[in-house]
């Protein structure tokens, strides 16, 4: 199974930006569709963004227009650029991989994030007002 390691979390003020990175332990092309989800204390996991092998992306309404998911296939690294951060964005953010054979497109995979597949230990993001 793929292993995932996130980095890049931290503390910022409202309106600030952060970029999260995720390094899978193996190539995910044709095997996994990648994405990010988050979990705040006492809240359910929330799928945020997914990207498929064709580079198509899908976003949750809560982050659309503020967050951008991307991947560098050469470096085998997934990113989440987070802009205009708000206190309600504070959470543990996790990189995740869901089975490509089941969730081949980003739109389809978005609903699976945080429910199926594999994920890393997460990185804390704290946004202060």
N, C-alpha and C. Protein backbone atom coordinates (compact mmCIF):
# COMPACT_ATOMS: atom_id res chain seq x y z
N UNK A 1 0.83 -1.18 0.00
CA UNK A 1 0.00 0.00 0.00
C UNK A 1 0.88 1.24 0.00
N UNK A 2 0.35 2.30 -0.59
CA UNK A 2 1.10 3.54 -0.67
C UNK A 2 1.17 4.20 0.70
N UNK A 3 2.29 4.82 0.98
CA UNK A 3 2.45 5.62 2.21
C UNK A 3 2.57 7.07 1.79
N UNK A 4 2.01 7.93 2.64
CA UNK A 4 1.94 9.35 2.30
C UNK A 4 2.48 10.18 3.46
N UNK A 5 3.25 11.20 3.15
CA UNK A 5 3.84 12.05 4.17
C UNK A 5 3.61 13.51 3.82
N UNK A 6 2.90 14.20 4.70
CA UNK A 6 2.59 15.60 4.48
C UNK A 6 3.61 16.51 5.16
N UNK A 7 3.71 17.71 4.64
CA UNK A 7 4.53 18.75 5.27
C UNK A 7 3.98 20.11 4.88
N UNK A 8 4.39 21.13 5.61
CA UNK A 8 4.04 22.49 5.23
C UNK A 8 3.00 23.17 6.08
N UNK A 9 2.46 22.48 7.06
CA UNK A 9 1.48 23.12 7.93
C UNK A 9 2.13 24.17 8.82
N UNK A 10 1.31 24.89 9.54
CA UNK A 10 1.83 25.91 10.44
C UNK A 10 0.74 26.84 10.90
N UNK A 11 1.17 27.98 11.44
CA UNK A 11 0.23 28.97 11.95
C UNK A 11 0.34 30.24 11.11
N UNK A 12 -0.81 30.76 10.73
CA UNK A 12 -0.86 32.01 9.96
C UNK A 12 -2.01 32.84 10.47
N UNK A 13 -2.01 34.10 10.09
CA UNK A 13 -3.13 34.98 10.42
C UNK A 13 -4.17 34.93 9.31
N UNK A 14 -5.35 35.39 9.64
CA UNK A 14 -6.43 35.46 8.65
C UNK A 14 -5.95 36.20 7.41
N UNK A 15 -6.27 35.59 6.27
CA UNK A 15 -5.85 36.19 5.01
C UNK A 15 -4.52 35.69 4.50
N UNK A 16 -3.81 34.95 5.32
CA UNK A 16 -2.50 34.45 4.94
C UNK A 16 -2.58 33.23 4.03
N UNK A 17 -1.41 32.74 3.65
CA UNK A 17 -1.32 31.60 2.74
C UNK A 17 -0.36 30.56 3.28
N UNK A 18 -0.60 29.32 2.89
CA UNK A 18 0.29 28.22 3.19
C UNK A 18 0.28 27.27 2.01
N UNK A 19 1.37 26.54 1.81
CA UNK A 19 1.40 25.49 0.82
C UNK A 19 1.78 24.18 1.49
N UNK A 20 0.89 23.22 1.33
CA UNK A 20 1.14 21.89 1.85
C UNK A 20 1.73 21.02 0.76
N UNK A 21 2.60 20.11 1.17
CA UNK A 21 3.19 19.16 0.23
C UNK A 21 2.94 17.75 0.73
N UNK A 22 2.92 16.82 -0.21
CA UNK A 22 2.70 15.42 0.12
C UNK A 22 3.55 14.57 -0.81
N UNK A 23 4.31 13.66 -0.23
CA UNK A 23 5.18 12.80 -1.03
C UNK A 23 4.73 11.35 -0.90
N UNK A 24 4.10 10.80 -1.93
CA UNK A 24 3.75 9.36 -1.88
C UNK A 24 5.01 8.51 -1.95
N UNK A 25 4.90 7.30 -1.42
CA UNK A 25 6.06 6.40 -1.39
C UNK A 25 6.33 5.73 -2.72
N UNK A 26 5.38 5.87 -3.67
CA UNK A 26 5.53 5.25 -4.97
C UNK A 26 4.78 6.10 -5.99
N UNK A 27 5.01 5.81 -7.25
CA UNK A 27 4.24 6.48 -8.29
C UNK A 27 2.77 6.11 -8.16
N UNK A 28 1.91 7.10 -8.31
CA UNK A 28 0.47 6.86 -8.17
C UNK A 28 -0.25 6.82 -9.52
N UNK A 29 0.46 7.03 -10.59
CA UNK A 29 -0.16 7.07 -11.91
C UNK A 29 -0.81 5.73 -12.22
N UNK A 30 -2.08 5.80 -12.55
CA UNK A 30 -2.82 4.58 -12.88
C UNK A 30 -3.16 3.71 -11.69
N UNK A 31 -2.76 4.13 -10.50
CA UNK A 31 -3.02 3.33 -9.29
C UNK A 31 -3.94 4.06 -8.31
N UNK A 32 -3.70 5.35 -8.11
CA UNK A 32 -4.44 6.12 -7.13
C UNK A 32 -4.80 7.49 -7.67
N UNK A 33 -5.94 7.97 -7.26
CA UNK A 33 -6.30 9.36 -7.47
C UNK A 33 -6.01 10.07 -6.14
N UNK A 34 -5.41 11.23 -6.22
CA UNK A 34 -4.92 11.91 -5.02
C UNK A 34 -5.81 13.07 -4.59
N UNK A 35 -5.72 13.39 -3.32
CA UNK A 35 -6.49 14.52 -2.83
C UNK A 35 -6.09 14.92 -1.43
N UNK A 36 -6.82 15.86 -0.89
CA UNK A 36 -6.62 16.35 0.47
C UNK A 36 -7.97 16.39 1.19
N UNK A 37 -7.91 16.06 2.47
CA UNK A 37 -9.07 16.30 3.32
C UNK A 37 -8.58 16.91 4.62
N UNK A 38 -9.49 17.39 5.41
CA UNK A 38 -9.12 17.96 6.71
C UNK A 38 -10.10 17.50 7.78
N UNK A 39 -9.66 17.61 9.00
CA UNK A 39 -10.53 17.29 10.12
C UNK A 39 -10.24 18.24 11.26
N UNK A 40 -11.26 18.99 11.63
CA UNK A 40 -11.16 19.89 12.77
C UNK A 40 -11.68 19.18 14.01
N UNK A 41 -11.29 19.64 15.19
CA UNK A 41 -11.77 19.00 16.42
C UNK A 41 -13.30 18.93 16.46
N UNK A 42 -13.82 17.77 16.81
CA UNK A 42 -15.25 17.54 16.98
C UNK A 42 -16.03 17.70 15.67
N UNK A 43 -15.34 17.61 14.55
CA UNK A 43 -16.02 17.69 13.25
C UNK A 43 -15.66 16.49 12.41
N UNK A 44 -16.49 16.19 11.44
CA UNK A 44 -16.22 15.09 10.52
C UNK A 44 -15.14 15.48 9.53
N UNK A 45 -14.53 14.48 8.95
CA UNK A 45 -13.56 14.74 7.88
C UNK A 45 -14.27 15.41 6.71
N UNK A 46 -13.56 16.34 6.11
CA UNK A 46 -14.12 17.07 4.97
C UNK A 46 -13.17 16.94 3.79
N UNK A 47 -13.63 16.31 2.72
CA UNK A 47 -12.85 16.25 1.50
C UNK A 47 -12.75 17.64 0.89
N UNK A 48 -11.53 18.02 0.51
CA UNK A 48 -11.31 19.40 0.05
C UNK A 48 -11.04 19.49 -1.44
N UNK A 49 -10.13 18.68 -1.93
CA UNK A 49 -9.70 18.82 -3.31
C UNK A 49 -9.14 17.50 -3.81
N UNK A 50 -9.39 17.21 -5.06
CA UNK A 50 -8.88 16.01 -5.70
C UNK A 50 -8.31 16.36 -7.06
N UNK A 51 -7.34 15.55 -7.50
CA UNK A 51 -6.76 15.73 -8.82
C UNK A 51 -6.56 14.37 -9.44
N UNK A 52 -6.92 14.21 -10.69
CA UNK A 52 -6.81 12.90 -11.33
C UNK A 52 -5.59 12.85 -12.25
N UNK A 53 -5.41 11.70 -12.88
CA UNK A 53 -4.22 11.51 -13.70
C UNK A 53 -4.18 12.44 -14.92
N UNK A 54 -5.33 12.93 -15.34
CA UNK A 54 -5.37 13.87 -16.46
C UNK A 54 -5.16 15.31 -16.02
N UNK A 55 -5.00 15.51 -14.71
CA UNK A 55 -4.81 16.86 -14.20
C UNK A 55 -6.09 17.61 -13.92
N UNK A 56 -7.23 16.94 -14.09
CA UNK A 56 -8.50 17.58 -13.76
C UNK A 56 -8.62 17.68 -12.24
N UNK A 57 -9.28 18.74 -11.79
CA UNK A 57 -9.39 18.98 -10.36
C UNK A 57 -10.85 19.15 -9.94
N UNK A 58 -11.10 18.94 -8.68
CA UNK A 58 -12.43 19.15 -8.10
C UNK A 58 -12.24 19.67 -6.68
N UNK A 59 -13.13 20.56 -6.26
CA UNK A 59 -12.99 21.21 -4.96
C UNK A 59 -14.31 21.21 -4.20
N UNK A 60 -14.18 21.18 -2.89
CA UNK A 60 -15.34 21.41 -2.04
C UNK A 60 -15.73 22.89 -2.14
N UNK A 61 -16.99 23.17 -1.98
CA UNK A 61 -17.45 24.55 -2.07
C UNK A 61 -16.76 25.45 -1.05
N UNK A 62 -16.43 24.87 0.10
CA UNK A 62 -15.85 25.67 1.19
C UNK A 62 -14.47 26.23 0.85
N UNK A 63 -13.79 25.63 -0.13
CA UNK A 63 -12.44 26.08 -0.45
C UNK A 63 -12.29 26.52 -1.91
N UNK A 64 -13.32 26.37 -2.68
CA UNK A 64 -13.26 26.71 -4.10
C UNK A 64 -12.91 28.18 -4.26
N UNK A 65 -11.94 28.45 -5.12
CA UNK A 65 -11.51 29.83 -5.35
C UNK A 65 -10.41 30.29 -4.41
N UNK A 66 -10.15 29.52 -3.35
CA UNK A 66 -9.09 29.88 -2.39
C UNK A 66 -7.96 28.86 -2.38
N UNK A 67 -8.29 27.60 -2.56
CA UNK A 67 -7.29 26.54 -2.52
C UNK A 67 -7.05 26.01 -3.94
N UNK A 68 -5.81 25.62 -4.18
CA UNK A 68 -5.46 25.05 -5.48
C UNK A 68 -4.66 23.77 -5.26
N UNK A 69 -5.14 22.67 -5.84
CA UNK A 69 -4.43 21.40 -5.76
C UNK A 69 -3.63 21.24 -7.05
N UNK A 70 -2.43 20.70 -6.91
CA UNK A 70 -1.60 20.45 -8.07
C UNK A 70 -0.66 19.31 -7.76
N UNK A 71 -0.03 18.80 -8.80
CA UNK A 71 0.95 17.75 -8.57
C UNK A 71 2.09 17.88 -9.56
N UNK A 72 3.24 17.49 -9.12
CA UNK A 72 4.43 17.47 -9.95
C UNK A 72 4.75 16.01 -10.20
N UNK A 73 4.45 15.55 -11.40
CA UNK A 73 4.62 14.13 -11.71
C UNK A 73 6.08 13.73 -11.74
N UNK A 74 6.95 14.64 -12.09
CA UNK A 74 8.38 14.33 -12.13
C UNK A 74 8.90 14.12 -10.71
N UNK A 75 8.53 15.03 -9.81
CA UNK A 75 8.95 14.93 -8.43
C UNK A 75 8.06 14.00 -7.60
N UNK A 76 6.95 13.55 -8.22
CA UNK A 76 5.98 12.69 -7.51
C UNK A 76 5.55 13.35 -6.20
N UNK A 77 5.11 14.58 -6.31
CA UNK A 77 4.71 15.34 -5.13
C UNK A 77 3.37 16.01 -5.39
N UNK A 78 2.53 15.98 -4.38
CA UNK A 78 1.21 16.61 -4.43
C UNK A 78 1.26 17.87 -3.58
N UNK A 79 0.56 18.90 -4.03
CA UNK A 79 0.56 20.18 -3.31
C UNK A 79 -0.87 20.65 -3.05
N UNK A 80 -1.00 21.47 -2.03
CA UNK A 80 -2.24 22.20 -1.81
C UNK A 80 -1.85 23.63 -1.44
N UNK A 81 -2.08 24.53 -2.35
CA UNK A 81 -1.85 25.95 -2.11
C UNK A 81 -3.11 26.53 -1.47
N UNK A 82 -2.96 27.08 -0.29
CA UNK A 82 -4.11 27.60 0.44
C UNK A 82 -3.96 29.10 0.60
N UNK A 83 -4.89 29.84 0.05
CA UNK A 83 -4.86 31.30 0.10
C UNK A 83 -6.08 31.82 0.85
N UNK A 84 -5.98 33.07 1.29
CA UNK A 84 -7.09 33.73 1.98
C UNK A 84 -7.61 32.83 3.11
N UNK A 85 -6.70 32.37 3.93
CA UNK A 85 -7.07 31.45 5.00
C UNK A 85 -7.91 32.16 6.07
N UNK A 86 -8.81 31.38 6.63
CA UNK A 86 -9.74 31.88 7.63
C UNK A 86 -9.65 31.02 8.88
N UNK A 87 -10.07 31.53 10.02
CA UNK A 87 -10.02 30.72 11.25
C UNK A 87 -10.73 29.38 11.11
N UNK A 88 -11.80 29.34 10.34
CA UNK A 88 -12.54 28.08 10.17
C UNK A 88 -11.79 27.06 9.31
N UNK A 89 -10.67 27.46 8.74
CA UNK A 89 -9.83 26.53 8.00
C UNK A 89 -8.88 25.77 8.93
N UNK A 90 -8.81 26.15 10.19
CA UNK A 90 -7.93 25.48 11.14
C UNK A 90 -8.34 24.02 11.29
N UNK A 91 -7.39 23.13 11.09
CA UNK A 91 -7.68 21.69 11.13
C UNK A 91 -6.38 20.93 10.90
N UNK A 92 -6.47 19.62 11.01
CA UNK A 92 -5.38 18.75 10.56
C UNK A 92 -5.67 18.39 9.12
N UNK A 93 -4.71 18.64 8.26
CA UNK A 93 -4.86 18.41 6.83
C UNK A 93 -4.09 17.14 6.45
N UNK A 94 -4.76 16.28 5.71
CA UNK A 94 -4.16 15.01 5.32
C UNK A 94 -4.21 14.82 3.82
N UNK A 95 -3.14 14.29 3.31
CA UNK A 95 -3.05 13.87 1.92
C UNK A 95 -3.61 12.46 1.82
N UNK A 96 -4.32 12.16 0.74
CA UNK A 96 -4.95 10.86 0.64
C UNK A 96 -4.88 10.32 -0.79
N UNK A 97 -4.90 9.02 -0.89
CA UNK A 97 -4.90 8.34 -2.17
C UNK A 97 -6.03 7.32 -2.19
N UNK A 98 -6.89 7.41 -3.19
CA UNK A 98 -7.99 6.46 -3.33
C UNK A 98 -7.76 5.64 -4.59
N UNK A 99 -8.31 4.44 -4.62
CA UNK A 99 -8.05 3.50 -5.71
C UNK A 99 -8.49 4.07 -7.05
N UNK A 100 -7.58 4.11 -7.97
CA UNK A 100 -7.85 4.64 -9.31
C UNK A 100 -8.94 3.84 -10.01
N UNK A 101 -8.97 2.51 -9.82
CA UNK A 101 -9.93 1.68 -10.54
C UNK A 101 -11.35 1.97 -10.09
N UNK A 102 -11.53 2.54 -8.91
CA UNK A 102 -12.86 2.85 -8.41
C UNK A 102 -13.20 4.33 -8.57
N UNK A 103 -12.22 5.19 -8.30
CA UNK A 103 -12.44 6.64 -8.36
C UNK A 103 -11.44 7.26 -9.33
N UNK A 104 -11.77 7.16 -10.61
CA UNK A 104 -10.81 7.52 -11.64
C UNK A 104 -10.76 9.02 -11.89
N UNK A 105 -11.88 9.71 -11.68
CA UNK A 105 -11.90 11.13 -11.97
C UNK A 105 -11.89 11.95 -10.68
N UNK A 106 -11.43 13.17 -10.78
CA UNK A 106 -11.36 14.04 -9.60
C UNK A 106 -12.75 14.30 -9.01
N UNK A 107 -13.72 14.52 -9.87
CA UNK A 107 -15.08 14.80 -9.39
C UNK A 107 -15.61 13.61 -8.60
N UNK A 108 -15.38 12.42 -9.11
CA UNK A 108 -15.85 11.21 -8.45
C UNK A 108 -15.08 10.96 -7.16
N UNK A 109 -13.79 11.23 -7.18
CA UNK A 109 -12.94 10.95 -6.02
C UNK A 109 -13.21 11.88 -4.86
N UNK A 110 -13.68 13.07 -5.13
CA UNK A 110 -13.85 14.07 -4.07
C UNK A 110 -14.72 13.53 -2.94
N UNK A 111 -15.75 12.82 -3.28
CA UNK A 111 -16.65 12.30 -2.26
C UNK A 111 -16.06 11.16 -1.45
N UNK A 112 -14.96 10.58 -1.94
CA UNK A 112 -14.34 9.46 -1.25
C UNK A 112 -13.23 9.89 -0.30
N UNK A 113 -12.81 11.12 -0.41
CA UNK A 113 -11.66 11.58 0.39
C UNK A 113 -11.97 11.55 1.87
N UNK A 114 -11.08 10.92 2.64
CA UNK A 114 -11.27 10.81 4.07
C UNK A 114 -12.17 9.67 4.48
N UNK A 115 -12.75 8.98 3.51
CA UNK A 115 -13.63 7.84 3.80
C UNK A 115 -13.01 6.52 3.35
N UNK A 116 -12.32 6.53 2.26
CA UNK A 116 -11.71 5.33 1.70
C UNK A 116 -10.26 5.63 1.36
N UNK A 117 -9.50 4.55 1.11
CA UNK A 117 -8.14 4.72 0.64
C UNK A 117 -7.13 4.84 1.76
N UNK A 118 -6.03 5.49 1.44
CA UNK A 118 -4.91 5.63 2.37
C UNK A 118 -4.65 7.10 2.61
N UNK A 119 -4.12 7.42 3.77
CA UNK A 119 -3.73 8.78 4.06
C UNK A 119 -2.57 8.84 5.02
N UNK A 120 -1.95 10.03 5.09
CA UNK A 120 -0.82 10.22 5.96
C UNK A 120 -1.24 10.65 7.35
N UNK A 121 -0.24 10.99 8.17
CA UNK A 121 -0.52 11.37 9.55
C UNK A 121 -1.09 12.76 9.71
N UNK A 122 -1.02 13.55 8.65
CA UNK A 122 -1.62 14.88 8.70
C UNK A 122 -0.65 15.95 9.17
N UNK A 123 -1.00 17.17 8.85
CA UNK A 123 -0.22 18.32 9.29
C UNK A 123 -1.18 19.40 9.79
N UNK A 124 -0.84 20.01 10.89
CA UNK A 124 -1.74 20.97 11.53
C UNK A 124 -1.66 22.33 10.85
N UNK A 125 -2.81 22.90 10.58
CA UNK A 125 -2.92 24.27 10.08
C UNK A 125 -3.76 25.05 11.08
N UNK A 126 -3.22 26.15 11.56
CA UNK A 126 -3.93 26.99 12.51
C UNK A 126 -3.98 28.41 11.97
N UNK A 127 -5.19 28.94 11.89
CA UNK A 127 -5.38 30.30 11.37
C UNK A 127 -5.96 31.15 12.49
N UNK A 128 -5.26 32.19 12.83
CA UNK A 128 -5.71 33.05 13.91
C UNK A 128 -6.33 34.33 13.35
N UNK A 129 -7.28 34.84 14.10
CA UNK A 129 -7.98 36.06 13.65
C UNK A 129 -7.26 37.31 14.12
